[in-house]
C-alpha atoms as a PDB file:
ATOM      1  CA  MET A   1     -34.297  25.327-107.345  1.00  0.00           C
ATOM      2  CA  GLN A   2     -36.318  28.321-108.519  1.00  0.00           C
ATOM      3  CA  VAL A   3     -34.867  30.257-111.472  1.00  0.00           C
ATOM      4  CA  GLY A   4     -35.848  33.394-113.344  1.00  0.00           C
ATOM      5  CA  LEU A   5     -35.666  33.979-117.084  1.00  0.00           C
ATOM      6  CA  VAL A   6     -35.775  37.469-118.535  1.00  0.00           C
ATOM      7  CA  GLY A   7     -36.337  37.500-122.299  1.00  0.00           C
ATOM      8  CA  ILE A   8     -38.518  34.596-123.413  1.00  0.00           C
ATOM      9  CA  THR A   9     -39.482  36.008-126.814  1.00  0.00           C
ATOM     10  CA  GLY A  10     -36.163  35.584-128.642  1.00  0.00           C
ATOM     11  CA  TYR A  11     -34.897  32.330-130.130  1.00  0.00           C
ATOM     12  CA  ALA A  12     -32.234  31.805-127.444  1.00  0.00           C
ATOM     13  CA  GLY A  13     -34.763  32.517-124.679  1.00  0.00           C
ATOM     14  CA  MET A  14     -37.239  30.027-126.128  1.00  0.00           C
ATOM     15  CA  VAL A  15     -34.621  27.278-126.382  1.00  0.00           C
ATOM     16  CA  LEU A  16     -33.316  28.060-122.886  1.00  0.00           C
ATOM     17  CA  TYR A  17     -36.849  27.784-121.465  1.00  0.00           C
ATOM     18  CA  GLN A  18     -37.228  24.351-123.101  1.00  0.00           C
ATOM     19  CA  LEU A  19     -33.957  23.193-121.514  1.00  0.00           C
ATOM     20  CA  LEU A  20     -34.854  24.534-118.081  1.00  0.00           C
ATOM     21  CA  ARG A  21     -38.275  22.847-118.119  1.00  0.00           C
ATOM     22  CA  GLN A  22     -36.577  19.451-118.344  1.00  0.00           C
ATOM     23  CA  HIS A  23     -33.613  20.193-116.060  1.00  0.00           C
ATOM     24  CA  PRO A  24     -33.676  17.833-113.047  1.00  0.00           C
ATOM     25  CA  GLU A  25     -32.425  20.537-110.640  1.00  0.00           C
ATOM     26  CA  VAL A  26     -34.977  23.195-111.676  1.00  0.00           C
ATOM     27  CA  ASP A  27     -38.209  23.104-109.673  1.00  0.00           C
ATOM     28  CA  GLY A  28     -39.824  26.220-111.123  1.00  0.00           C
ATOM     29  CA  ILE A  29     -39.257  28.994-113.660  1.00  0.00           C
ATOM     30  CA  ASN A  30     -40.445  32.581-113.333  1.00  0.00           C
ATOM     31  CA  LEU A  31     -40.638  34.435-116.641  1.00  0.00           C
ATOM     32  CA  TYR A  32     -40.154  38.199-117.040  1.00  0.00           C
ATOM     33  CA  ASP A  33     -40.335  40.664-119.907  1.00  0.00           C
ATOM     34  CA  HIS A  34     -39.280  44.294-119.511  1.00  0.00           C
ATOM     35  CA  LYS A  35     -41.737  45.344-122.244  1.00  0.00           C
ATOM     36  CA  LEU A  36     -44.821  44.168-120.285  1.00  0.00           C
ATOM     37  CA  THR A  37     -46.880  46.212-117.829  1.00  0.00           C
ATOM     38  CA  ARG A  38     -49.079  43.347-116.620  1.00  0.00           C
ATOM     39  CA  ASN A  39     -48.936  39.554-116.439  1.00  0.00           C
ATOM     40  CA  GLN A  40     -49.669  37.705-119.657  1.00  0.00           C
ATOM     41  CA  PRO A  41     -49.826  33.926-120.242  1.00  0.00           C
ATOM     42  CA  LEU A  42     -46.855  32.565-122.140  1.00  0.00           C
ATOM     43  CA  ASN A  43     -49.000  31.166-124.940  1.00  0.00           C
ATOM     44  CA  GLU A  44     -50.103  34.715-125.749  1.00  0.00           C
ATOM     45  CA  VAL A  45     -46.587  36.149-125.613  1.00  0.00           C
ATOM     46  CA  VAL A  46     -45.015  33.236-127.550  1.00  0.00           C
ATOM     47  CA  PRO A  47     -47.729  31.341-129.470  1.00  0.00           C
ATOM     48  CA  SER A  48     -45.365  28.416-130.108  1.00  0.00           C
ATOM     49  CA  PHE A  49     -45.892  27.424-126.469  1.00  0.00           C
ATOM     50  CA  PHE A  50     -49.612  27.089-127.197  1.00  0.00           C
ATOM     51  CA  THR A  51     -50.499  24.881-124.183  1.00  0.00           C
ATOM     52  CA  ASP A  52     -48.313  26.725-121.642  1.00  0.00           C
ATOM     53  CA  GLN A  53     -50.102  29.358-119.571  1.00  0.00           C
ATOM     54  CA  THR A  54     -47.164  30.172-117.299  1.00  0.00           C
ATOM     55  CA  PRO A  55     -47.458  33.897-116.502  1.00  0.00           C
ATOM     56  CA  VAL A  56     -44.898  36.216-118.059  1.00  0.00           C
ATOM     57  CA  GLN A  57     -44.445  39.022-115.536  1.00  0.00           C
ATOM     58  CA  PRO A  58     -43.363  42.647-115.952  1.00  0.00           C
ATOM     59  CA  TYR A  59     -39.664  42.973-115.191  1.00  0.00           C
ATOM     60  CA  SER A  60     -38.615  44.090-111.711  1.00  0.00           C
ATOM     61  CA  ASP A  61     -35.153  43.479-110.314  1.00  0.00           C
ATOM     62  CA  GLN A  62     -36.568  43.287-106.788  1.00  0.00           C
ATOM     63  CA  ALA A  63     -39.120  40.663-107.835  1.00  0.00           C
ATOM     64  CA  VAL A  64     -36.431  38.682-109.637  1.00  0.00           C
ATOM     65  CA  MET A  65     -34.142  38.626-106.598  1.00  0.00           C
ATOM     66  CA  THR A  66     -36.946  37.973-104.102  1.00  0.00           C
ATOM     67  CA  ASP A  67     -38.649  35.143-105.964  1.00  0.00           C
ATOM     68  CA  ASN A  68     -35.678  33.286-107.456  1.00  0.00           C
ATOM     69  CA  GLN A  69     -32.300  31.851-106.537  1.00  0.00           C
ATOM     70  CA  MET A  70     -30.688  32.987-109.794  1.00  0.00           C
ATOM     71  CA  VAL A  71     -31.658  34.551-113.120  1.00  0.00           C
ATOM     72  CA  PHE A  72     -30.877  34.109-116.810  1.00  0.00           C
ATOM     73  CA  PHE A  73     -30.977  37.115-119.143  1.00  0.00           C
ATOM     74  CA  ALA A  74     -31.724  36.238-122.775  1.00  0.00           C
ATOM     75  CA  THR A  75     -32.095  39.847-123.816  1.00  0.00           C
ATOM     76  CA  SER A  76     -30.732  41.738-126.797  1.00  0.00           C
ATOM     77  CA  ALA A  77     -27.587  43.876-126.697  1.00  0.00           C
ATOM     78  CA  GLY A  78     -27.917  47.081-124.709  1.00  0.00           C
ATOM     79  CA  VAL A  79     -30.363  45.791-122.074  1.00  0.00           C
ATOM     80  CA  THR A  80     -28.250  44.237-119.308  1.00  0.00           C
ATOM     81  CA  SER A  81     -25.679  47.013-119.539  1.00  0.00           C
ATOM     82  CA  LYS A  82     -28.400  49.123-117.881  1.00  0.00           C
ATOM     83  CA  LEU A  83     -29.745  46.400-115.563  1.00  0.00           C
ATOM     84  CA  SER A  84     -26.665  44.651-114.197  1.00  0.00           C
ATOM     85  CA  GLN A  85     -25.785  46.963-111.299  1.00  0.00           C
ATOM     86  CA  PRO A  86     -28.329  45.775-108.660  1.00  0.00           C
ATOM     87  CA  TYR A  87     -27.364  42.140-109.246  1.00  0.00           C
ATOM     88  CA  LEU A  88     -23.656  42.844-109.005  1.00  0.00           C
ATOM     89  CA  ASP A  89     -24.163  44.886-105.852  1.00  0.00           C
ATOM     90  CA  ALA A  90     -26.205  42.086-104.266  1.00  0.00           C
ATOM     91  CA  LYS A  91     -23.906  39.339-105.631  1.00  0.00           C
ATOM     92  CA  PHE A  92     -27.049  37.707-106.961  1.00  0.00           C
ATOM     93  CA  PRO A  93     -26.278  34.903-109.463  1.00  0.00           C
ATOM     94  CA  VAL A  94     -26.772  35.918-113.103  1.00  0.00           C
ATOM     95  CA  ILE A  95     -26.072  34.181-116.408  1.00  0.00           C
ATOM     96  CA  ASP A  96     -26.239  36.767-119.188  1.00  0.00           C
ATOM     97  CA  LEU A  97     -26.617  35.488-122.761  1.00  0.00           C
ATOM     98  CA  SER A  98     -26.160  38.946-124.282  1.00  0.00           C
ATOM     99  CA  GLY A  99     -22.833  40.488-125.201  1.00  0.00           C
ATOM    100  CA  ASP A 100     -23.139  43.394-122.793  1.00  0.00           C
ATOM    101  CA  LEU A 101     -20.577  42.255-120.214  1.00  0.00           C
ATOM    102  CA  ARG A 102     -18.392  39.940-122.286  1.00  0.00           C
ATOM    103  CA  LEU A 103     -15.658  42.482-122.922  1.00  0.00           C
ATOM    104  CA  ASN A 104     -13.496  44.038-120.233  1.00  0.00           C
ATOM    105  CA  ASP A 105     -13.021  47.430-121.868  1.00  0.00           C
ATOM    106  CA  VAL A 106     -15.619  50.202-122.212  1.00  0.00           C
ATOM    107  CA  ASP A 107     -14.140  51.634-125.403  1.00  0.00           C
ATOM    108  CA  GLU A 108     -13.954  48.203-127.049  1.00  0.00           C
ATOM    109  CA  TYR A 109     -17.613  47.540-126.293  1.00  0.00           C
ATOM    110  CA  GLN A 110     -18.704  50.877-127.716  1.00  0.00           C
ATOM    111  CA  ARG A 111     -16.520  50.427-130.795  1.00  0.00           C
ATOM    112  CA  TRP A 112     -17.926  47.007-131.685  1.00  0.00           C
ATOM    113  CA  TYR A 113     -21.505  47.199-130.410  1.00  0.00           C
ATOM    114  CA  HIS A 114     -22.156  50.879-131.194  1.00  0.00           C
ATOM    115  CA  LYS A 115     -24.003  51.271-127.880  1.00  0.00           C
ATOM    116  CA  ASP A 116     -23.240  52.723-124.473  1.00  0.00           C
ATOM    117  CA  SER A 117     -21.292  50.294-122.325  1.00  0.00           C
ATOM    118  CA  ALA A 118     -21.972  49.075-118.832  1.00  0.00           C
ATOM    119  CA  PRO A 119     -19.709  50.812-116.293  1.00  0.00           C
ATOM    120  CA  ALA A 120     -16.095  49.669-116.318  1.00  0.00           C
ATOM    121  CA  SER A 121     -16.448  48.321-112.771  1.00  0.00           C
ATOM    122  CA  ASP A 122     -19.316  46.062-113.934  1.00  0.00           C
ATOM    123  CA  LEU A 123     -17.286  44.739-116.861  1.00  0.00           C
ATOM    124  CA  GLN A 124     -14.425  43.854-114.550  1.00  0.00           C
ATOM    125  CA  GLN A 125     -16.701  41.842-112.267  1.00  0.00           C
ATOM    126  CA  ALA A 126     -18.187  39.644-115.006  1.00  0.00           C
ATOM    127  CA  HIS A 127     -16.819  36.158-115.688  1.00  0.00           C
ATOM    128  CA  TYR A 128     -16.437  35.205-119.369  1.00  0.00           C
ATOM    129  CA  GLY A 129     -18.059  31.789-119.324  1.00  0.00           C
ATOM    130  CA  LEU A 130     -16.399  29.698-122.031  1.00  0.00           C
ATOM    131  CA  ALA A 131     -17.589  26.676-120.119  1.00  0.00           C
ATOM    132  CA  ASP A 132     -15.188  24.063-121.480  1.00  0.00           C
ATOM    133  CA  PHE A 133     -12.176  26.061-120.247  1.00  0.00           C
ATOM    134  CA  GLU A 134     -13.287  28.439-117.475  1.00  0.00           C
ATOM    135  CA  SER A 135     -15.551  27.026-114.772  1.00  0.00           C
ATOM    136  CA  ALA A 136     -18.356  29.244-113.478  1.00  0.00           C
ATOM    137  CA  GLU A 137     -18.143  27.634-110.029  1.00  0.00           C
ATOM    138  CA  ASP A 138     -18.225  30.314-107.311  1.00  0.00           C
ATOM    139  CA  LYS A 139     -18.926  33.044-109.903  1.00  0.00           C
ATOM    140  CA  THR A 140     -21.956  35.301-109.554  1.00  0.00           C
ATOM    141  CA  TYR A 141     -22.174  37.120-112.909  1.00  0.00           C
ATOM    142  CA  VAL A 142     -21.421  35.005-115.974  1.00  0.00           C
ATOM    143  CA  ALA A 143     -21.237  36.530-119.442  1.00  0.00           C
ATOM    144  CA  ASN A 144     -22.171  33.675-121.772  1.00  0.00           C
ATOM    145  CA  PRO A 145     -19.956  33.689-124.902  1.00  0.00           C
ATOM    146  CA  GLY A 146     -21.202  34.456-128.391  1.00  0.00           C
ATOM    147  CA  CYS A 147     -21.959  31.663-130.848  1.00  0.00           C
ATOM    148  CA  TYR A 148     -19.212  32.470-133.366  1.00  0.00           C
ATOM    149  CA  ALA A 149     -16.791  32.985-130.496  1.00  0.00           C
ATOM    150  CA  THR A 150     -17.582  29.588-129.000  1.00  0.00           C
ATOM    151  CA  ALA A 151     -17.070  27.660-132.236  1.00  0.00           C
ATOM    152  CA  THR A 152     -13.917  29.578-133.152  1.00  0.00           C
ATOM    153  CA  LEU A 153     -12.253  29.513-129.740  1.00  0.00           C
ATOM    154  CA  LEU A 154     -12.846  25.794-129.267  1.00  0.00           C
ATOM    155  CA  GLY A 155     -11.411  25.158-132.728  1.00  0.00           C
ATOM    156  CA  LEU A 156      -8.317  27.278-132.058  1.00  0.00           C
ATOM    157  CA  ALA A 157      -7.596  26.473-128.403  1.00  0.00           C
ATOM    158  CA  PRO A 158      -5.106  23.580-128.771  1.00  0.00           C
ATOM    159  CA  LEU A 159      -3.167  25.405-131.485  1.00  0.00           C
ATOM    160  CA  VAL A 160      -2.873  28.664-129.545  1.00  0.00           C
ATOM    161  CA  GLN A 161      -2.486  27.270-126.039  1.00  0.00           C
ATOM    162  CA  GLN A 162       0.313  24.904-127.120  1.00  0.00           C
ATOM    163  CA  ASP A 163       1.962  27.511-129.370  1.00  0.00           C
ATOM    164  CA  LEU A 164       1.839  25.385-132.516  1.00  0.00           C
ATOM    165  CA  ILE A 165       1.054  28.077-135.088  1.00  0.00           C
ATOM    166  CA  ASP A 166       2.224  31.411-136.435  1.00  0.00           C
ATOM    167  CA  LEU A 167      -0.173  33.677-134.538  1.00  0.00           C
ATOM    168  CA  ASP A 168      -0.174  36.281-137.318  1.00  0.00           C
ATOM    169  CA  SER A 169      -1.523  33.762-139.831  1.00  0.00           C
ATOM    170  CA  ILE A 170      -4.935  32.938-138.305  1.00  0.00           C
ATOM    171  CA  ILE A 171      -7.790  33.156-140.798  1.00  0.00           C
ATOM    172  CA  VAL A 172     -11.360  32.226-139.826  1.00  0.00           C
ATOM    173  CA  ASP A 173     -14.109  31.608-142.386  1.00  0.00           C
ATOM    174  CA  ALA A 174     -17.281  31.238-140.286  1.00  0.00           C
ATOM    175  CA  LYS A 175     -20.754  30.422-141.595  1.00  0.00           C
ATOM    176  CA  SER A 176     -24.071  30.611-139.725  1.00  0.00           C
ATOM    177  CA  GLY A 177     -27.711  29.766-140.228  1.00  0.00           C
ATOM    178  CA  THR A 178     -30.323  32.505-140.197  1.00  0.00           C
ATOM    179  CA  SER A 179     -31.446  31.990-136.576  1.00  0.00           C
ATOM    180  CA  GLY A 180     -28.153  33.561-135.536  1.00  0.00           C
ATOM    181  CA  ALA A 181     -29.521  36.896-136.702  1.00  0.00           C
ATOM    182  CA  GLY A 182     -32.396  36.703-134.201  1.00  0.00           C
ATOM    183  CA  LYS A 183     -36.098  37.274-134.761  1.00  0.00           C
ATOM    184  CA  HIS A 184     -35.926  40.885-135.890  1.00  0.00           C
ATOM    185  CA  PRO A 185     -36.674  40.854-139.642  1.00  0.00           C
ATOM    186  CA  ALA A 186     -34.011  42.101-142.042  1.00  0.00           C
ATOM    187  CA  ALA A 187     -33.580  42.188-145.783  1.00  0.00           C
ATOM    188  CA  SER A 188     -30.724  39.649-145.612  1.00  0.00           C
ATOM    189  CA  THR A 189     -32.825  37.082-143.727  1.00  0.00           C
ATOM    190  CA  HIS A 190     -35.975  37.431-145.838  1.00  0.00           C
ATOM    191  CA  PHE A 191     -36.688  33.980-147.322  1.00  0.00           C
ATOM    192  CA  THR A 192     -36.344  35.108-150.929  1.00  0.00           C
ATOM    193  CA  GLN A 193     -32.931  36.639-150.161  1.00  0.00           C
ATOM    194  CA  ALA A 194     -31.501  33.943-147.875  1.00  0.00           C
ATOM    195  CA  ASN A 195     -32.768  30.869-149.738  1.00  0.00           C
ATOM    196  CA  ASP A 196     -30.421  29.428-152.396  1.00  0.00           C
ATOM    197  CA  ASN A 197     -27.867  32.074-151.494  1.00  0.00           C
ATOM    198  CA  LEU A 198     -24.653  32.814-149.590  1.00  0.00           C
ATOM    199  CA  GLN A 199     -24.119  36.285-148.122  1.00  0.00           C
ATOM    200  CA  ILE A 200     -20.979  37.673-146.531  1.00  0.00           C
ATOM    201  CA  TYR A 201     -21.891  40.189-143.858  1.00  0.00           C
ATOM    202  CA  LYS A 202     -20.121  42.420-141.330  1.00  0.00           C
ATOM    203  CA  PRO A 203     -16.665  41.899-142.900  1.00  0.00           C
ATOM    204  CA  ASN A 204     -14.042  42.594-140.221  1.00  0.00           C
ATOM    205  CA  GLN A 205     -16.784  44.166-138.093  1.00  0.00           C
ATOM    206  CA  HIS A 206     -18.598  41.311-136.345  1.00  0.00           C
ATOM    207  CA  GLN A 207     -19.113  42.010-132.637  1.00  0.00           C
ATOM    208  CA  HIS A 208     -17.795  38.561-131.642  1.00  0.00           C
ATOM    209  CA  ILE A 209     -14.299  39.397-132.930  1.00  0.00           C
ATOM    210  CA  PRO A 210     -13.132  41.293-129.809  1.00  0.00           C
ATOM    211  CA  GLU A 211     -14.171  38.540-127.391  1.00  0.00           C
ATOM    212  CA  ILE A 212     -12.346  35.987-129.550  1.00  0.00           C
ATOM    213  CA  VAL A 213      -9.169  38.080-129.563  1.00  0.00           C
ATOM    214  CA  MET A 214      -9.518  38.862-125.840  1.00  0.00           C
ATOM    215  CA  THR A 215      -9.636  35.154-124.999  1.00  0.00           C
ATOM    216  CA  LEU A 216      -6.852  34.199-127.396  1.00  0.00           C
ATOM    217  CA  LYS A 217      -4.654  36.828-125.737  1.00  0.00           C
ATOM    218  CA  SER A 218      -5.417  35.322-122.334  1.00  0.00           C
ATOM    219  CA  TRP A 219      -4.054  32.026-123.691  1.00  0.00           C
ATOM    220  CA  ASN A 220      -1.094  33.519-125.521  1.00  0.00           C
ATOM    221  CA  LYS A 221      -0.074  37.141-125.012  1.00  0.00           C
ATOM    222  CA  GLN A 222       1.556  37.265-128.444  1.00  0.00           C
ATOM    223  CA  VAL A 223      -1.811  37.225-130.247  1.00  0.00           C
ATOM    224  CA  LYS A 224      -2.465  40.598-131.912  1.00  0.00           C
ATOM    225  CA  ALA A 225      -5.446  40.086-134.225  1.00  0.00           C
ATOM    226  CA  ILE A 226      -7.187  37.566-136.453  1.00  0.00           C
ATOM    227  CA  GLN A 227      -8.703  37.690-139.923  1.00  0.00           C
ATOM    228  CA  PHE A 228     -12.375  36.826-139.362  1.00  0.00           C
ATOM    229  CA  MET A 229     -15.162  36.632-141.937  1.00  0.00           C
ATOM    230  CA  THR A 230     -18.822  35.691-141.515  1.00  0.00           C
ATOM    231  CA  THR A 231     -21.224  34.259-144.077  1.00  0.00           C
ATOM    232  CA  LEU A 232     -24.990  33.742-143.813  1.00  0.00           C
ATOM    233  CA  ILE A 233     -26.057  30.381-145.231  1.00  0.00           C
ATOM    234  CA  PRO A 234     -29.584  29.162-146.041  1.00  0.00           C
ATOM    235  CA  ILE A 235     -30.155  26.892-143.031  1.00  0.00           C
ATOM    236  CA  THR A 236     -31.997  27.600-139.794  1.00  0.00           C
ATOM    237  CA  ARG A 237     -29.504  26.468-137.132  1.00  0.00           C
ATOM    238  CA  GLY A 238     -25.816  25.770-136.977  1.00  0.00           C
ATOM    239  CA  ILE A 239     -22.352  27.302-137.302  1.00  0.00           C
ATOM    240  CA  MET A 240     -19.291  26.002-139.104  1.00  0.00           C
ATOM    241  CA  SER A 241     -16.095  27.823-138.226  1.00  0.00           C
ATOM    242  CA  THR A 242     -13.313  26.857-140.640  1.00  0.00           C
ATOM    243  CA  ILE A 243      -9.950  27.959-139.311  1.00  0.00           C
ATOM    244  CA  TYR A 244      -6.637  28.154-141.193  1.00  0.00           C
ATOM    245  CA  ALA A 245      -3.163  28.857-139.829  1.00  0.00           C
ATOM    246  CA  LYS A 246       0.474  28.289-140.719  1.00  0.00           C
ATOM    247  CA  VAL A 247       2.232  25.942-138.306  1.00  0.00           C
ATOM    248  CA  LYS A 248       5.620  26.611-136.770  1.00  0.00           C
ATOM    249  CA  PRO A 249       8.602  24.960-138.553  1.00  0.00           C
ATOM    250  CA  GLU A 250       9.038  22.114-136.075  1.00  0.00           C
ATOM    251  CA  VAL A 251       5.333  21.168-135.949  1.00  0.00           C
ATOM    252  CA  ASP A 252       3.911  18.145-137.794  1.00  0.00           C
ATOM    253  CA  GLY A 253       0.549  16.429-138.132  1.00  0.00           C
ATOM    254  CA  ALA A 254       1.157  14.036-135.259  1.00  0.00           C
ATOM    255  CA  MET A 255       1.855  16.898-132.854  1.00  0.00           C
ATOM    256  CA  ILE A 256      -1.328  18.673-133.917  1.00  0.00           C
ATOM    257  CA  ASP A 257      -3.401  15.512-133.496  1.00  0.00           C
ATOM    258  CA  GLN A 258      -1.944  14.919-130.028  1.00  0.00           C
ATOM    259  CA  ALA A 259      -2.676  18.503-128.992  1.00  0.00           C
ATOM    260  CA  TYR A 260      -6.382  18.112-129.784  1.00  0.00           C
ATOM    261  CA  GLN A 261      -6.559  14.721-128.069  1.00  0.00           C
ATOM    262  CA  ASP A 262      -4.873  16.082-124.934  1.00  0.00           C
ATOM    263  CA  THR A 263      -7.078  19.170-124.826  1.00  0.00           C
ATOM    264  CA  TYR A 264     -10.437  17.521-125.394  1.00  0.00           C
ATOM    265  CA  GLY A 265     -10.008  13.951-124.172  1.00  0.00           C
ATOM    266  CA  ASN A 266     -12.074  14.578-121.021  1.00  0.00           C
ATOM    267  CA  LYS A 267     -14.447  17.314-122.219  1.00  0.00           C
ATOM    268  CA  PRO A 268     -18.029  15.970-122.279  1.00  0.00           C
ATOM    269  CA  PHE A 269     -19.277  18.383-124.934  1.00  0.00           C
ATOM    270  CA  VAL A 270     -16.294  18.633-127.287  1.00  0.00           C
ATOM    271  CA  ASN A 271     -15.701  15.764-129.691  1.00  0.00           C
ATOM    272  CA  TYR A 272     -12.432  15.621-131.605  1.00  0.00           C
ATOM    273  CA  THR A 273     -13.014  13.674-134.818  1.00  0.00           C
ATOM    274  CA  GLY A 274      -9.468  13.662-136.219  1.00  0.00           C
ATOM    275  CA  THR A 275      -9.297  13.901-139.997  1.00  0.00           C
ATOM    276  CA  GLN A 276     -12.996  13.002-140.324  1.00  0.00           C
ATOM    277  CA  LEU A 277     -14.320  16.526-140.747  1.00  0.00           C
ATOM    278  CA  PRO A 278     -17.697  17.053-139.065  1.00  0.00           C
ATOM    279  CA  ASP A 279     -20.765  18.655-140.572  1.00  0.00           C
ATOM    280  CA  ILE A 280     -23.406  20.869-139.007  1.00  0.00           C
ATOM    281  CA  LYS A 281     -26.153  18.230-138.898  1.00  0.00           C
ATOM    282  CA  GLN A 282     -24.063  16.158-136.476  1.00  0.00           C
ATOM    283  CA  VAL A 283     -24.498  18.775-133.753  1.00  0.00           C
ATOM    284  CA  VAL A 284     -27.831  20.537-134.376  1.00  0.00           C
ATOM    285  CA  GLY A 285     -30.057  19.776-131.385  1.00  0.00           C
ATOM    286  CA  THR A 286     -27.102  19.163-129.034  1.00  0.00           C
ATOM    287  CA  ASN A 287     -24.731  21.076-126.771  1.00  0.00           C
ATOM    288  CA  ASN A 288     -21.776  19.502-128.592  1.00  0.00           C
ATOM    289  CA  CYS A 289     -18.917  21.029-130.512  1.00  0.00           C
ATOM    290  CA  ASN A 290     -17.388  18.630-133.029  1.00  0.00           C
ATOM    291  CA  ILE A 291     -13.917  19.468-134.309  1.00  0.00           C
ATOM    292  CA  GLY A 292     -11.969  17.836-137.125  1.00  0.00           C
ATOM    293  CA  VAL A 293      -8.476  18.809-138.236  1.00  0.00           C
ATOM    294  CA  VAL A 294      -6.399  18.217-141.362  1.00  0.00           C
ATOM    295  CA  TYR A 295      -2.787  19.236-141.918  1.00  0.00           C
ATOM    296  CA  ASN A 296      -1.187  19.959-145.296  1.00  0.00           C
ATOM    297  CA  PRO A 297       2.590  19.392-145.002  1.00  0.00           C
ATOM    298  CA  VAL A 298       3.181  20.883-148.464  1.00  0.00           C
ATOM    299  CA  THR A 299       1.824  24.309-147.481  1.00  0.00           C
ATOM    300  CA  GLN A 300       2.476  23.804-143.741  1.00  0.00           C
ATOM    301  CA  THR A 301      -1.128  24.826-143.132  1.00  0.00           C
ATOM    302  CA  VAL A 302      -3.497  23.367-140.553  1.00  0.00           C
ATOM    303  CA  MET A 303      -7.259  23.568-141.066  1.00  0.00           C
ATOM    304  CA  ALA A 304      -9.668  23.059-138.167  1.00  0.00           C
ATOM    305  CA  ASP A 305     -13.374  22.513-138.813  1.00  0.00           C
ATOM    306  CA  SER A 306     -15.481  23.396-135.733  1.00  0.00           C
ATOM    307  CA  VAL A 307     -19.284  22.971-135.771  1.00  0.00           C
ATOM    308  CA  ILE A 308     -21.958  23.837-133.196  1.00  0.00           C
ATOM    309  CA  ASP A 309     -25.681  24.513-132.873  1.00  0.00           C
ATOM    310  CA  ASN A 310     -25.713  28.297-132.478  1.00  0.00           C
ATOM    311  CA  LEU A 311     -28.836  28.236-130.262  1.00  0.00           C
ATOM    312  CA  LEU A 312     -27.529  25.494-127.947  1.00  0.00           C
ATOM    313  CA  LYS A 313     -23.748  25.328-127.595  1.00  0.00           C
ATOM    314  CA  GLY A 314     -23.659  28.889-128.923  1.00  0.00           C
ATOM    315  CA  ALA A 315     -26.268  30.217-126.477  1.00  0.00           C
ATOM    316  CA  ALA A 316     -28.818  28.351-124.322  1.00  0.00           C
ATOM    317  CA  GLY A 317     -26.942  25.057-123.968  1.00  0.00           C
ATOM    318  CA  GLN A 318     -23.728  26.717-122.841  1.00  0.00           C
ATOM    319  CA  ALA A 319     -25.779  28.874-120.461  1.00  0.00           C
ATOM    320  CA  VAL A 320     -27.105  25.698-118.814  1.00  0.00           C
ATOM    321  CA  GLN A 321     -23.557  24.276-118.762  1.00  0.00           C
ATOM    322  CA  ASN A 322     -22.462  27.416-116.894  1.00  0.00           C
ATOM    323  CA  PHE A 323     -25.501  27.057-114.607  1.00  0.00           C
ATOM    324  CA  ASN A 324     -24.454  23.494-113.763  1.00  0.00           C
ATOM    325  CA  GLN A 325     -20.921  24.650-112.951  1.00  0.00           C
ATOM    326  CA  MET A 326     -22.118  27.641-110.949  1.00  0.00           C
ATOM    327  CA  PHE A 327     -24.238  25.495-108.639  1.00  0.00           C
ATOM    328  CA  LYS A 328     -21.983  22.405-108.663  1.00  0.00           C
ATOM    329  CA  PHE A 329     -24.474  20.206-110.467  1.00  0.00           C
ATOM    330  CA  GLU A 330     -23.357  17.414-112.789  1.00  0.00           C
ATOM    331  CA  GLU A 331     -22.007  19.282-115.831  1.00  0.00           C
ATOM    332  CA  THR A 332     -24.108  17.259-118.271  1.00  0.00           C
ATOM    333  CA  SER A 333     -27.315  17.672-116.247  1.00  0.00           C
ATOM    334  CA  GLY A 334     -30.197  18.692-118.500  1.00  0.00           C
ATOM    335  CA  LEU A 335     -27.931  18.569-121.549  1.00  0.00           C
ATOM    336  CA  GLU A 336     -27.991  14.909-122.547  1.00  0.00           C
ATOM    337  CA  LEU A 337     -29.428  15.777-125.943  1.00  0.00           C
ATOM    338  CA  THR A 338     -29.441  14.007-129.304  1.00  0.00           C
ATOM    339  CA  PRO A 339     -29.103  15.526-132.782  1.00  0.00           C
ATOM    340  CA  PHE A 340     -32.227  16.460-134.718  1.00  0.00           C
ATOM    341  CA  LEU A 341     -32.781  13.722-137.300  1.00  0.00           C
ATOM    342  CA  PRO A 342     -32.895  13.363-140.222  1.00  0.00           C
END
């Protein structure tokens, strides 16, 4: 099929383009950039694709809908909130990697993103595409989850869905490589600042917090809030979300282990590793989420260690997983990837 991609210049857009080029169900890719006024070859727009002269076209919603069967948006926050309406009106298939339509409340979006929200009616029509739990089949506008949200929600799901923990005790210590901050330069991601360093940022303010809480509440209405902290670490790709919670009095290690086995036994991209805690290098280059869990009976505390590649499972890979579900392709199609080694 013919697909469109708006936003090729960011890291997620670049990785998504690489995945789509090798996807067996994709016959052609039209590229668009809303900053262009004329066609430019891709190797001029993104020099990393130095042999690829595919034209990058100026953005036009009519051109996108006329020349493609669906479109991916890999644009920064604040773009699709202004562009979504024609696609929703036409019920044209969209997978949106930005956070613009992830939340279902206008005030929440404006509070966390500090930008004007899409109209409330648009937010209500978007499907939150946590692909391992909510299929995008028969959906037309999919809001792809955030990277921190994906790692954290997959790590917490069995505990919250099966009501094994004290919901007021959830603490998340999440760490990300510098590519999660995008290409826009910042003092915190400058090599001399990020290298050989750890930096806590956005304490209690990260924009992925509300989508995590929103989804947890959909699983268990008793969830009120979580304690969530983010740290920038000196690697390029990868997220480790380390989750702590107090278990309920009747819960033991065997029950926790069984909950994770039951939840993820048939999920192609989630690997439960038991008490063998995974590391980031196991998943970088893949669409996998590896989760290990240890329980301390002395403190009655469970710790879940959830790791993903932020640009794949946390962005482009999950977008392709949603694409496969949307069009009823094999869920693993185009995503049979191996970790980057060494």
